[in-house]
Amino acid sequence: MCIYFLVTSYKIAFKVIGAMNVMQALEEGIATQYILRKHHLLTSSQAENVLQVVNDIIALHATSVGTPYLSLFNRMKSFQRQNLDEEFYVKRNLVRLTAMRSTLFITSKFASL
């Protein structure tokens, strides 16, 4: 299922391609709330664990050392530095990727499955 967003000055058109061809207009506020909730940036949508956040946003930007910690601190209810370290070094559920222009990302090893 693919989601295409067409941004207009007044609303965002939302089209789902798949089993159902549905066209539904969303107000900008609704679309913004959806994106903030999906990225765990609302207080009511904060995640419980690191893996949930990483799977939902696909990857954490990790070019500088502190960036993934700050990103998780803003997206989790009670984030501690040990949470990321445990998933990355002990459980080995996360992997480090190098992308274009030597940008580093941390993503779930399950994302490629």
PDB file of N, CA and C in Angstrom:
ATOM      1  N   MET A   1       0.849  -1.167   0.000  1.00  0.00           N
ATOM      2  CA  MET A   1       0.000   0.000   0.000  1.00  0.00           C
ATOM      3  C   MET A   1       0.895   1.229   0.000  1.00  0.00           C
ATOM      4  N   CYS A   2       0.684   2.124  -0.937  1.00  0.00           N
ATOM      5  CA  CYS A   2       1.470   3.355  -1.048  1.00  0.00           C
ATOM      6  C   CYS A   2       0.603   4.544  -0.671  1.00  0.00           C
ATOM      7  N   ILE A   3       1.203   5.495  -0.039  1.00  0.00           N
ATOM      8  CA  ILE A   3       0.479   6.711   0.338  1.00  0.00           C
ATOM      9  C   ILE A   3       1.141   7.880  -0.370  1.00  0.00           C
ATOM     10  N   TYR A   4       0.368   8.632  -1.085  1.00  0.00           N
ATOM     11  CA  TYR A   4       0.877   9.816  -1.762  1.00  0.00           C
ATOM     12  C   TYR A   4       0.273  11.058  -1.124  1.00  0.00           C
ATOM     13  N   PHE A   5       1.116  12.010  -0.812  1.00  0.00           N
ATOM     14  CA  PHE A   5       0.646  13.282  -0.262  1.00  0.00           C
ATOM     15  C   PHE A   5       0.821  14.371  -1.308  1.00  0.00           C
ATOM     16  N   LEU A   6      -0.233  15.067  -1.608  1.00  0.00           N
ATOM     17  CA  LEU A   6      -0.198  16.208  -2.496  1.00  0.00           C
ATOM     18  C   LEU A   6      -0.523  17.433  -1.662  1.00  0.00           C
ATOM     19  N   VAL A   7       0.449  18.303  -1.509  1.00  0.00           N
ATOM     20  CA  VAL A   7       0.267  19.457  -0.650  1.00  0.00           C
ATOM     21  C   VAL A   7      -0.302  20.608  -1.478  1.00  0.00           C
ATOM     22  N   THR A   8      -1.444  21.116  -1.054  1.00  0.00           N
ATOM     23  CA  THR A   8      -2.022  22.308  -1.674  1.00  0.00           C
ATOM     24  C   THR A   8      -2.025  23.415  -0.633  1.00  0.00           C
ATOM     25  N   SER A   9      -2.458  24.598  -1.019  1.00  0.00           N
ATOM     26  CA  SER A   9      -2.431  25.704  -0.069  1.00  0.00           C
ATOM     27  C   SER A   9      -3.489  25.554   1.015  1.00  0.00           C
ATOM     28  N   TYR A  10      -4.555  24.811   0.776  1.00  0.00           N
ATOM     29  CA  TYR A  10      -5.642  24.712   1.754  1.00  0.00           C
ATOM     30  C   TYR A  10      -5.784  23.341   2.386  1.00  0.00           C
ATOM     31  N   LYS A  11      -5.452  22.308   1.664  1.00  0.00           N
ATOM     32  CA  LYS A  11      -5.618  20.967   2.225  1.00  0.00           C
ATOM     33  C   LYS A  11      -4.620  19.997   1.618  1.00  0.00           C
ATOM     34  N   ILE A  12      -4.532  18.851   2.199  1.00  0.00           N
ATOM     35  CA  ILE A  12      -3.646  17.806   1.696  1.00  0.00           C
ATOM     36  C   ILE A  12      -4.520  16.682   1.169  1.00  0.00           C
ATOM     37  N   ALA A  13      -4.279  16.306  -0.067  1.00  0.00           N
ATOM     38  CA  ALA A  13      -5.032  15.197  -0.651  1.00  0.00           C
ATOM     39  C   ALA A  13      -4.324  13.912  -0.256  1.00  0.00           C
ATOM     40  N   PHE A  14      -5.089  12.948   0.094  1.00  0.00           N
ATOM     41  CA  PHE A  14      -4.562  11.700   0.625  1.00  0.00           C
ATOM     42  C   PHE A  14      -5.103  10.563  -0.230  1.00  0.00           C
ATOM     43  N   LYS A  15      -4.227   9.810  -0.876  1.00  0.00           N
ATOM     44  CA  LYS A  15      -4.686   8.741  -1.749  1.00  0.00           C
ATOM     45  C   LYS A  15      -4.015   7.439  -1.345  1.00  0.00           C
ATOM     46  N   VAL A  16      -4.805   6.433  -1.119  1.00  0.00           N
ATOM     47  CA  VAL A  16      -4.286   5.117  -0.773  1.00  0.00           C
ATOM     48  C   VAL A  16      -4.432   4.229  -1.995  1.00  0.00           C
ATOM     49  N   ILE A  17      -3.316   3.667  -2.444  1.00  0.00           N
ATOM     50  CA  ILE A  17      -3.328   2.766  -3.592  1.00  0.00           C
ATOM     51  C   ILE A  17      -3.172   1.349  -3.040  1.00  0.00           C
ATOM     52  N   GLY A  18      -4.019   0.466  -3.394  1.00  0.00           N
ATOM     53  CA  GLY A  18      -3.952  -0.900  -2.911  1.00  0.00           C
ATOM     54  C   GLY A  18      -5.250  -1.589  -3.205  1.00  0.00           C
ATOM     55  N   ALA A  19      -5.762  -2.333  -2.232  1.00  0.00           N
ATOM     56  CA  ALA A  19      -7.025  -3.043  -2.413  1.00  0.00           C
ATOM     57  C   ALA A  19      -8.156  -2.064  -2.653  1.00  0.00           C
ATOM     58  N   MET A  20      -8.077  -0.905  -2.011  1.00  0.00           N
ATOM     59  CA  MET A  20      -9.139   0.096  -2.151  1.00  0.00           C
ATOM     60  C   MET A  20      -8.543   1.362  -2.743  1.00  0.00           C
ATOM     61  N   ASN A  21      -9.186   1.916  -3.767  1.00  0.00           N
ATOM     62  CA  ASN A  21      -8.792   3.224  -4.281  1.00  0.00           C
ATOM     63  C   ASN A  21      -9.689   4.247  -3.630  1.00  0.00           C
ATOM     64  N   VAL A  22      -9.137   4.963  -2.672  1.00  0.00           N
ATOM     65  CA  VAL A  22      -9.914   5.920  -1.899  1.00  0.00           C
ATOM     66  C   VAL A  22      -9.231   7.273  -1.982  1.00  0.00           C
ATOM     67  N   MET A  23     -10.000   8.295  -2.237  1.00  0.00           N
ATOM     68  CA  MET A  23      -9.460   9.653  -2.210  1.00  0.00           C
ATOM     69  C   MET A  23     -10.182  10.407  -1.118  1.00  0.00           C
ATOM     70  N   GLN A  24      -9.438  10.930  -0.168  1.00  0.00           N
ATOM     71  CA  GLN A  24     -10.025  11.619   0.970  1.00  0.00           C
ATOM     72  C   GLN A  24      -9.227  12.883   1.236  1.00  0.00           C
ATOM     73  N   ALA A  25      -9.904  14.006   1.372  1.00  0.00           N
ATOM     74  CA  ALA A  25      -9.220  15.273   1.668  1.00  0.00           C
ATOM     75  C   ALA A  25      -9.070  15.421   3.167  1.00  0.00           C
ATOM     76  N   LEU A  26      -7.885  15.788   3.588  1.00  0.00           N
ATOM     77  CA  LEU A  26      -7.612  15.988   5.009  1.00  0.00           C
ATOM     78  C   LEU A  26      -7.262  17.456   5.240  1.00  0.00           C
ATOM     79  N   GLU A  27      -7.748  17.986   6.292  1.00  0.00           N
ATOM     80  CA  GLU A  27      -7.341  19.332   6.665  1.00  0.00           C
ATOM     81  C   GLU A  27      -5.873  19.286   7.088  1.00  0.00           C
ATOM     82  N   GLU A  28      -5.176  20.379   6.925  1.00  0.00           N
ATOM     83  CA  GLU A  28      -3.758  20.422   7.262  1.00  0.00           C
ATOM     84  C   GLU A  28      -3.505  20.040   8.711  1.00  0.00           C
ATOM     85  N   GLY A  29      -4.369  20.469   9.606  1.00  0.00           N
ATOM     86  CA  GLY A  29      -4.194  20.155  11.024  1.00  0.00           C
ATOM     87  C   GLY A  29      -4.263  18.672  11.311  1.00  0.00           C
ATOM     88  N   ILE A  30      -5.160  17.978  10.626  1.00  0.00           N
ATOM     89  CA  ILE A  30      -5.301  16.532  10.820  1.00  0.00           C
ATOM     90  C   ILE A  30      -4.053  15.809  10.318  1.00  0.00           C
ATOM     91  N   ALA A  31      -3.559  16.210   9.151  1.00  0.00           N
ATOM     92  CA  ALA A  31      -2.356  15.595   8.599  1.00  0.00           C
ATOM     93  C   ALA A  31      -1.149  15.853   9.496  1.00  0.00           C
ATOM     94  N   THR A  32      -1.036  17.062  10.012  1.00  0.00           N
ATOM     95  CA  THR A  32       0.065  17.406  10.907  1.00  0.00           C
ATOM     96  C   THR A  32       0.003  16.569  12.179  1.00  0.00           C
ATOM     97  N   GLN A  33      -1.189  16.432  12.747  1.00  0.00           N
ATOM     98  CA  GLN A  33      -1.356  15.611  13.954  1.00  0.00           C
ATOM     99  C   GLN A  33      -0.975  14.157  13.685  1.00  0.00           C
ATOM    100  N   TYR A  34      -1.351  13.653  12.514  1.00  0.00           N
ATOM    101  CA  TYR A  34      -1.009  12.274  12.140  1.00  0.00           C
ATOM    102  C   TYR A  34       0.503  12.085  12.097  1.00  0.00           C
ATOM    103  N   ILE A  35       1.200  13.004  11.447  1.00  0.00           N
ATOM    104  CA  ILE A  35       2.648  12.890  11.312  1.00  0.00           C
ATOM    105  C   ILE A  35       3.334  13.029  12.673  1.00  0.00           C
ATOM    106  N   LEU A  36       2.899  13.982  13.486  1.00  0.00           N
ATOM    107  CA  LEU A  36       3.475  14.145  14.826  1.00  0.00           C
ATOM    108  C   LEU A  36       3.253  12.907  15.681  1.00  0.00           C
ATOM    109  N   ARG A  37       2.069  12.302  15.580  1.00  0.00           N
ATOM    110  CA  ARG A  37       1.764  11.091  16.347  1.00  0.00           C
ATOM    111  C   ARG A  37       2.606   9.911  15.858  1.00  0.00           C
ATOM    112  N   LYS A  38       2.719   9.750  14.547  1.00  0.00           N
ATOM    113  CA  LYS A  38       3.498   8.646  13.965  1.00  0.00           C
ATOM    114  C   LYS A  38       4.980   8.740  14.333  1.00  0.00           C
ATOM    115  N   HIS A  39       5.477   9.963  14.460  1.00  0.00           N
ATOM    116  CA  HIS A  39       6.878  10.160  14.816  1.00  0.00           C
ATOM    117  C   HIS A  39       7.092  10.287  16.325  1.00  0.00           C
ATOM    118  N   HIS A  40       6.046  10.025  17.103  1.00  0.00           N
ATOM    119  CA  HIS A  40       6.107  10.037  18.573  1.00  0.00           C
ATOM    120  C   HIS A  40       6.542  11.396  19.120  1.00  0.00           C
ATOM    121  N   LEU A  41       6.081  12.471  18.505  1.00  0.00           N
ATOM    122  CA  LEU A  41       6.465  13.805  18.951  1.00  0.00           C
ATOM    123  C   LEU A  41       5.382  14.493  19.774  1.00  0.00           C
ATOM    124  N   LEU A  42       4.252  13.830  19.988  1.00  0.00           N
ATOM    125  CA  LEU A  42       3.213  14.345  20.877  1.00  0.00           C
ATOM    126  C   LEU A  42       3.353  13.651  22.220  1.00  0.00           C
ATOM    127  N   THR A  43       3.034  14.354  23.283  1.00  0.00           N
ATOM    128  CA  THR A  43       3.121  13.771  24.620  1.00  0.00           C
ATOM    129  C   THR A  43       2.279  12.510  24.729  1.00  0.00           C
ATOM    130  N   SER A  44       1.112  12.522  24.100  1.00  0.00           N
ATOM    131  CA  SER A  44       0.203  11.367  24.181  1.00  0.00           C
ATOM    132  C   SER A  44       0.666  10.184  23.346  1.00  0.00           C
ATOM    133  N   SER A  45       1.632  10.387  22.448  1.00  0.00           N
ATOM    134  CA  SER A  45       2.061   9.294  21.575  1.00  0.00           C
ATOM    135  C   SER A  45       3.492   8.840  21.835  1.00  0.00           C
ATOM    136  N   GLN A  46       4.064   9.241  22.949  1.00  0.00           N
ATOM    137  CA  GLN A  46       5.441   8.858  23.227  1.00  0.00           C
ATOM    138  C   GLN A  46       5.542   7.351  23.423  1.00  0.00           C
ATOM    139  N   ALA A  47       6.638   6.794  22.926  1.00  0.00           N
ATOM    140  CA  ALA A  47       6.834   5.344  22.899  1.00  0.00           C
ATOM    141  C   ALA A  47       7.375   4.821  24.226  1.00  0.00           C
ATOM    142  N   GLU A  48       7.271   3.514  24.378  1.00  0.00           N
ATOM    143  CA  GLU A  48       7.761   2.837  25.577  1.00  0.00           C
ATOM    144  C   GLU A  48       9.192   2.329  25.415  1.00  0.00           C
ATOM    145  N   ASN A  49       9.589   1.976  24.162  1.00  0.00           N
ATOM    146  CA  ASN A  49      10.928   1.422  23.989  1.00  0.00           C
ATOM    147  C   ASN A  49      11.600   1.928  22.713  1.00  0.00           C
ATOM    148  N   VAL A  50      12.899   1.776  22.654  1.00  0.00           N
ATOM    149  CA  VAL A  50      13.727   2.278  21.561  1.00  0.00           C
ATOM    150  C   VAL A  50      13.347   1.631  20.237  1.00  0.00           C
ATOM    151  N   LEU A  51      13.171   0.323  20.234  1.00  0.00           N
ATOM    152  CA  LEU A  51      12.869  -0.404  19.002  1.00  0.00           C
ATOM    153  C   LEU A  51      11.565   0.065  18.368  1.00  0.00           C
ATOM    154  N   GLN A  52      10.577   0.373  19.172  1.00  0.00           N
ATOM    155  CA  GLN A  52       9.304   0.878  18.655  1.00  0.00           C
ATOM    156  C   GLN A  52       9.511   2.196  17.910  1.00  0.00           C
ATOM    157  N   VAL A  53      10.297   3.098  18.488  1.00  0.00           N
ATOM    158  CA  VAL A  53      10.562   4.393  17.853  1.00  0.00           C
ATOM    159  C   VAL A  53      11.320   4.194  16.547  1.00  0.00           C
ATOM    160  N   VAL A  54      12.380   3.426  16.582  1.00  0.00           N
ATOM    161  CA  VAL A  54      13.210   3.229  15.394  1.00  0.00           C
ATOM    162  C   VAL A  54      12.404   2.571  14.273  1.00  0.00           C
ATOM    163  N   ASN A  55      11.586   1.598  14.591  1.00  0.00           N
ATOM    164  CA  ASN A  55      10.760   0.951  13.567  1.00  0.00           C
ATOM    165  C   ASN A  55       9.726   1.906  12.990  1.00  0.00           C
ATOM    166  N   ASP A  56       9.164   2.783  13.818  1.00  0.00           N
ATOM    167  CA  ASP A  56       8.134   3.708  13.346  1.00  0.00           C
ATOM    168  C   ASP A  56       8.691   4.843  12.494  1.00  0.00           C
ATOM    169  N   ILE A  57       9.894   5.312  12.798  1.00  0.00           N
ATOM    170  CA  ILE A  57      10.447   6.420  12.002  1.00  0.00           C
ATOM    171  C   ILE A  57      11.519   5.936  11.023  1.00  0.00           C
ATOM    172  N   ILE A  58      11.730   4.666  10.903  1.00  0.00           N
ATOM    173  CA  ILE A  58      12.637   3.987   9.979  1.00  0.00           C
ATOM    174  C   ILE A  58      14.100   4.058  10.415  1.00  0.00           C
ATOM    175  N   ALA A  59      14.614   5.226  10.764  1.00  0.00           N
ATOM    176  CA  ALA A  59      16.016   5.338  11.149  1.00  0.00           C
ATOM    177  C   ALA A  59      16.238   6.592  11.988  1.00  0.00           C
ATOM    178  N   LEU A  60      17.242   6.527  12.842  1.00  0.00           N
ATOM    179  CA  LEU A  60      17.661   7.687  13.634  1.00  0.00           C
ATOM    180  C   LEU A  60      18.889   8.298  12.974  1.00  0.00           C
ATOM    181  N   HIS A  61      18.899   9.608  12.803  1.00  0.00           N
ATOM    182  CA  HIS A  61      20.071  10.299  12.285  1.00  0.00           C
ATOM    183  C   HIS A  61      21.168  10.184  13.335  1.00  0.00           C
ATOM    184  N   ALA A  62      22.357   9.768  12.936  1.00  0.00           N
ATOM    185  CA  ALA A  62      23.403   9.493  13.928  1.00  0.00           C
ATOM    186  C   ALA A  62      24.776   9.985  13.505  1.00  0.00           C
ATOM    187  N   THR A  63      24.841  11.033  12.685  1.00  0.00           N
ATOM    188  CA  THR A  63      26.133  11.531  12.240  1.00  0.00           C
ATOM    189  C   THR A  63      26.944  12.096  13.406  1.00  0.00           C
ATOM    190  N   SER A  64      26.289  12.843  14.297  1.00  0.00           N
ATOM    191  CA  SER A  64      27.002  13.269  15.506  1.00  0.00           C
ATOM    192  C   SER A  64      26.635  12.321  16.647  1.00  0.00           C
ATOM    193  N   VAL A  65      27.503  12.210  17.602  1.00  0.00           N
ATOM    194  CA  VAL A  65      27.369  11.211  18.664  1.00  0.00           C
ATOM    195  C   VAL A  65      26.090  11.373  19.482  1.00  0.00           C
ATOM    196  N   GLY A  66      25.693  12.591  19.803  1.00  0.00           N
ATOM    197  CA  GLY A  66      24.556  12.807  20.686  1.00  0.00           C
ATOM    198  C   GLY A  66      23.197  12.821  20.008  1.00  0.00           C
ATOM    199  N   THR A  67      23.159  12.909  18.688  1.00  0.00           N
ATOM    200  CA  THR A  67      21.889  13.059  17.970  1.00  0.00           C
ATOM    201  C   THR A  67      20.882  11.945  18.236  1.00  0.00           C
ATOM    202  N   PRO A  68      21.247  10.662  18.180  1.00  0.00           N
ATOM    203  CA  PRO A  68      20.236   9.628  18.439  1.00  0.00           C
ATOM    204  C   PRO A  68      19.703   9.672  19.871  1.00  0.00           C
ATOM    205  N   TYR A  69      20.541  10.045  20.821  1.00  0.00           N
ATOM    206  CA  TYR A  69      20.097  10.145  22.204  1.00  0.00           C
ATOM    207  C   TYR A  69      19.084  11.272  22.375  1.00  0.00           C
ATOM    208  N   LEU A  70      19.348  12.418  21.747  1.00  0.00           N
ATOM    209  CA  LEU A  70      18.408  13.546  21.818  1.00  0.00           C
ATOM    210  C   LEU A  70      17.099  13.213  21.117  1.00  0.00           C
ATOM    211  N   SER A  71      17.192  12.548  19.992  1.00  0.00           N
ATOM    212  CA  SER A  71      15.994  12.162  19.245  1.00  0.00           C
ATOM    213  C   SER A  71      15.116  11.224  20.074  1.00  0.00           C
ATOM    214  N   LEU A  72      15.720  10.247  20.722  1.00  0.00           N
ATOM    215  CA  LEU A  72      14.960   9.303  21.550  1.00  0.00           C
ATOM    216  C   LEU A  72      14.444   9.968  22.820  1.00  0.00           C
ATOM    217  N   PHE A  73      15.210  10.875  23.385  1.00  0.00           N
ATOM    218  CA  PHE A  73      14.765  11.598  24.578  1.00  0.00           C
ATOM    219  C   PHE A  73      13.461  12.346  24.292  1.00  0.00           C
ATOM    220  N   ASN A  74      13.325  12.881  23.089  1.00  0.00           N
ATOM    221  CA  ASN A  74      12.116  13.619  22.714  1.00  0.00           C
ATOM    222  C   ASN A  74      10.953  12.719  22.325  1.00  0.00           C
ATOM    223  N   ARG A  75      11.207  11.450  22.069  1.00  0.00           N
ATOM    224  CA  ARG A  75      10.165  10.556  21.575  1.00  0.00           C
ATOM    225  C   ARG A  75       9.730   9.477  22.569  1.00  0.00           C
ATOM    226  N   MET A  76      10.420   9.356  23.694  1.00  0.00           N
ATOM    227  CA  MET A  76      10.098   8.302  24.654  1.00  0.00           C
ATOM    228  C   MET A  76       9.702   8.885  25.999  1.00  0.00           C
ATOM    229  N   LYS A  77       8.851   8.136  26.722  1.00  0.00           N
ATOM    230  CA  LYS A  77       8.350   8.594  28.026  1.00  0.00           C
ATOM    231  C   LYS A  77       9.441   8.709  29.064  1.00  0.00           C
ATOM    232  N   SER A  78      10.248   7.699  29.191  1.00  0.00           N
ATOM    233  CA  SER A  78      11.283   7.713  30.226  1.00  0.00           C
ATOM    234  C   SER A  78      12.594   7.175  29.657  1.00  0.00           C
ATOM    235  N   PHE A  79      13.145   7.887  28.688  1.00  0.00           N
ATOM    236  CA  PHE A  79      14.366   7.442  28.031  1.00  0.00           C
ATOM    237  C   PHE A  79      15.574   7.634  28.927  1.00  0.00           C
ATOM    238  N   GLN A  80      16.393   6.603  28.981  1.00  0.00           N
ATOM    239  CA  GLN A  80      17.683   6.651  29.654  1.00  0.00           C
ATOM    240  C   GLN A  80      18.741   6.261  28.632  1.00  0.00           C
ATOM    241  N   ARG A  81      19.926   6.797  28.772  1.00  0.00           N
ATOM    242  CA  ARG A  81      21.009   6.513  27.833  1.00  0.00           C
ATOM    243  C   ARG A  81      21.242   5.010  27.670  1.00  0.00           C
ATOM    244  N   GLN A  82      21.077   4.279  28.739  1.00  0.00           N
ATOM    245  CA  GLN A  82      21.295   2.835  28.708  1.00  0.00           C
ATOM    246  C   GLN A  82      20.317   2.121  27.772  1.00  0.00           C
ATOM    247  N   ASN A  83      19.129   2.707  27.550  1.00  0.00           N
ATOM    248  CA  ASN A  83      18.141   2.080  26.671  1.00  0.00           C
ATOM    249  C   ASN A  83      18.694   1.884  25.261  1.00  0.00           C
ATOM    250  N   LEU A  84      19.286   2.922  24.697  1.00  0.00           N
ATOM    251  CA  LEU A  84      19.855   2.827  23.352  1.00  0.00           C
ATOM    252  C   LEU A  84      21.094   1.940  23.353  1.00  0.00           C
ATOM    253  N   ASP A  85      21.949   2.111  24.343  1.00  0.00           N
ATOM    254  CA  ASP A  85      23.166   1.307  24.417  1.00  0.00           C
ATOM    255  C   ASP A  85      22.842  -0.186  24.494  1.00  0.00           C
ATOM    256  N   GLU A  86      21.820  -0.547  25.265  1.00  0.00           N
ATOM    257  CA  GLU A  86      21.435  -1.954  25.406  1.00  0.00           C
ATOM    258  C   GLU A  86      20.918  -2.527  24.083  1.00  0.00           C
ATOM    259  N   GLU A  87      20.038  -1.793  23.392  1.00  0.00           N
ATOM    260  CA  GLU A  87      19.503  -2.273  22.104  1.00  0.00           C
ATOM    261  C   GLU A  87      20.599  -2.381  21.053  1.00  0.00           C
ATOM    262  N   PHE A  88      21.564  -1.459  21.111  1.00  0.00           N
ATOM    263  CA  PHE A  88      22.607  -1.403  20.091  1.00  0.00           C
ATOM    264  C   PHE A  88      23.746  -2.389  20.357  1.00  0.00           C
ATOM    265  N   TYR A  89      24.248  -2.425  21.578  1.00  0.00           N
ATOM    266  CA  TYR A  89      25.446  -3.209  21.871  1.00  0.00           C
ATOM    267  C   TYR A  89      25.179  -4.567  22.513  1.00  0.00           C
ATOM    268  N   VAL A  90      24.140  -4.674  23.345  1.00  0.00           N
ATOM    269  CA  VAL A  90      23.873  -5.929  24.046  1.00  0.00           C
ATOM    270  C   VAL A  90      22.925  -6.815  23.244  1.00  0.00           C
ATOM    271  N   LYS A  91      21.744  -6.311  22.952  1.00  0.00           N
ATOM    272  CA  LYS A  91      20.749  -7.098  22.211  1.00  0.00           C
ATOM    273  C   LYS A  91      21.037  -7.157  20.715  1.00  0.00           C
ATOM    274  N   ARG A  92      21.777  -6.181  20.220  1.00  0.00           N
ATOM    275  CA  ARG A  92      22.146  -6.086  18.803  1.00  0.00           C
ATOM    276  C   ARG A  92      20.933  -6.073  17.867  1.00  0.00           C
ATOM    277  N   ASN A  93      19.885  -5.348  18.277  1.00  0.00           N
ATOM    278  CA  ASN A  93      18.696  -5.189  17.445  1.00  0.00           C
ATOM    279  C   ASN A  93      18.823  -4.009  16.488  1.00  0.00           C
ATOM    280  N   LEU A  94      19.833  -3.173  16.688  1.00  0.00           N
ATOM    281  CA  LEU A  94      20.025  -1.985  15.860  1.00  0.00           C
ATOM    282  C   LEU A  94      21.344  -2.088  15.113  1.00  0.00           C
ATOM    283  N   VAL A  95      21.367  -1.493  13.919  1.00  0.00           N
ATOM    284  CA  VAL A  95      22.591  -1.479  13.110  1.00  0.00           C
ATOM    285  C   VAL A  95      22.881  -0.059  12.656  1.00  0.00           C
ATOM    286  N   ARG A  96      24.138   0.225  12.379  1.00  0.00           N
ATOM    287  CA  ARG A  96      24.559   1.538  11.906  1.00  0.00           C
ATOM    288  C   ARG A  96      24.756   1.451  10.390  1.00  0.00           C
ATOM    289  N   LEU A  97      24.170   2.417   9.661  1.00  0.00           N
ATOM    290  CA  LEU A  97      24.284   2.465   8.203  1.00  0.00           C
ATOM    291  C   LEU A  97      24.955   3.758   7.774  1.00  0.00           C
ATOM    292  N   THR A  98      25.739   3.685   6.722  1.00  0.00           N
ATOM    293  CA  THR A  98      26.310   4.886   6.123  1.00  0.00           C
ATOM    294  C   THR A  98      25.575   5.127   4.810  1.00  0.00           C
ATOM    295  N   ALA A  99      25.052   6.330   4.643  1.00  0.00           N
ATOM    296  CA  ALA A  99      24.295   6.676   3.439  1.00  0.00           C
ATOM    297  C   ALA A  99      25.072   7.723   2.632  1.00  0.00           C
ATOM    298  N   MET A 100      24.372   8.394   1.728  1.00  0.00           N
ATOM    299  CA  MET A 100      25.019   9.412   0.894  1.00  0.00           C
ATOM    300  C   MET A 100      25.728  10.466   1.730  1.00  0.00           C
ATOM    301  N   ARG A 101      26.798  10.994   1.189  1.00  0.00           N
ATOM    302  CA  ARG A 101      27.599  12.040   1.826  1.00  0.00           C
ATOM    303  C   ARG A 101      28.055  11.641   3.226  1.00  0.00           C
ATOM    304  N   SER A 102      28.275  10.356   3.437  1.00  0.00           N
ATOM    305  CA  SER A 102      28.771   9.810   4.709  1.00  0.00           C
ATOM    306  C   SER A 102      27.855  10.102   5.893  1.00  0.00           C
ATOM    307  N   THR A 103      26.563  10.218   5.649  1.00  0.00           N
ATOM    308  CA  THR A 103      25.596  10.419   6.720  1.00  0.00           C
ATOM    309  C   THR A 103      25.350   9.089   7.416  1.00  0.00           C
ATOM    310  N   LEU A 104      25.438   9.077   8.729  1.00  0.00           N
ATOM    311  CA  LEU A 104      25.211   7.845   9.497  1.00  0.00           C
ATOM    312  C   LEU A 104      23.777   7.793  10.010  1.00  0.00           C
ATOM    313  N   PHE A 105      23.210   6.598   9.991  1.00  0.00           N
ATOM    314  CA  PHE A 105      21.871   6.355  10.530  1.00  0.00           C
ATOM    315  C   PHE A 105      21.915   5.103  11.383  1.00  0.00           C
ATOM    316  N   ILE A 106      21.022   5.045  12.363  1.00  0.00           N
ATOM    317  CA  ILE A 106      20.820   3.829  13.148  1.00  0.00           C
ATOM    318  C   ILE A 106      19.419   3.326  12.828  1.00  0.00           C
ATOM    319  N   THR A 107      19.326   2.078  12.417  1.00  0.00           N
ATOM    320  CA  THR A 107      18.032   1.493  12.089  1.00  0.00           C
ATOM    321  C   THR A 107      17.922   0.099  12.673  1.00  0.00           C
ATOM    322  N   SER A 108      16.737  -0.443  12.627  1.00  0.00           N
ATOM    323  CA  SER A 108      16.493  -1.787  13.150  1.00  0.00           C
ATOM    324  C   SER A 108      17.002  -2.824  12.158  1.00  0.00           C
ATOM    325  N   LYS A 109      17.612  -3.868  12.658  1.00  0.00           N
ATOM    326  CA  LYS A 109      18.059  -4.923  11.747  1.00  0.00           C
ATOM    327  C   LYS A 109      16.865  -5.658  11.140  1.00  0.00           C
ATOM    328  N   PHE A 110      15.686  -5.488  11.740  1.00  0.00           N
ATOM    329  CA  PHE A 110      14.471  -6.120  11.231  1.00  0.00           C
ATOM    330  C   PHE A 110      13.845  -5.320  10.100  1.00  0.00           C
ATOM    331  N   ALA A 111      14.290  -4.085   9.881  1.00  0.00           N
ATOM    332  CA  ALA A 111      13.711  -3.228   8.836  1.00  0.00           C
ATOM    333  C   ALA A 111      13.965  -3.784   7.448  1.00  0.00           C
ATOM    334  N   SER A 112      15.031  -4.528   7.258  1.00  0.00           N
ATOM    335  CA  SER A 112      15.358  -5.053   5.944  1.00  0.00           C
ATOM    336  C   SER A 112      14.667  -6.380   5.638  1.00  0.00           C
ATOM    337  N   LEU A 113      13.975  -6.950   6.612  1.00  0.00           N
ATOM    338  CA  LEU A 113      13.321  -8.245   6.399  1.00  0.00           C
ATOM    339  C   LEU A 113      12.081  -8.106   5.555  1.00  0.00           C
TER     340      LEU A 113
END
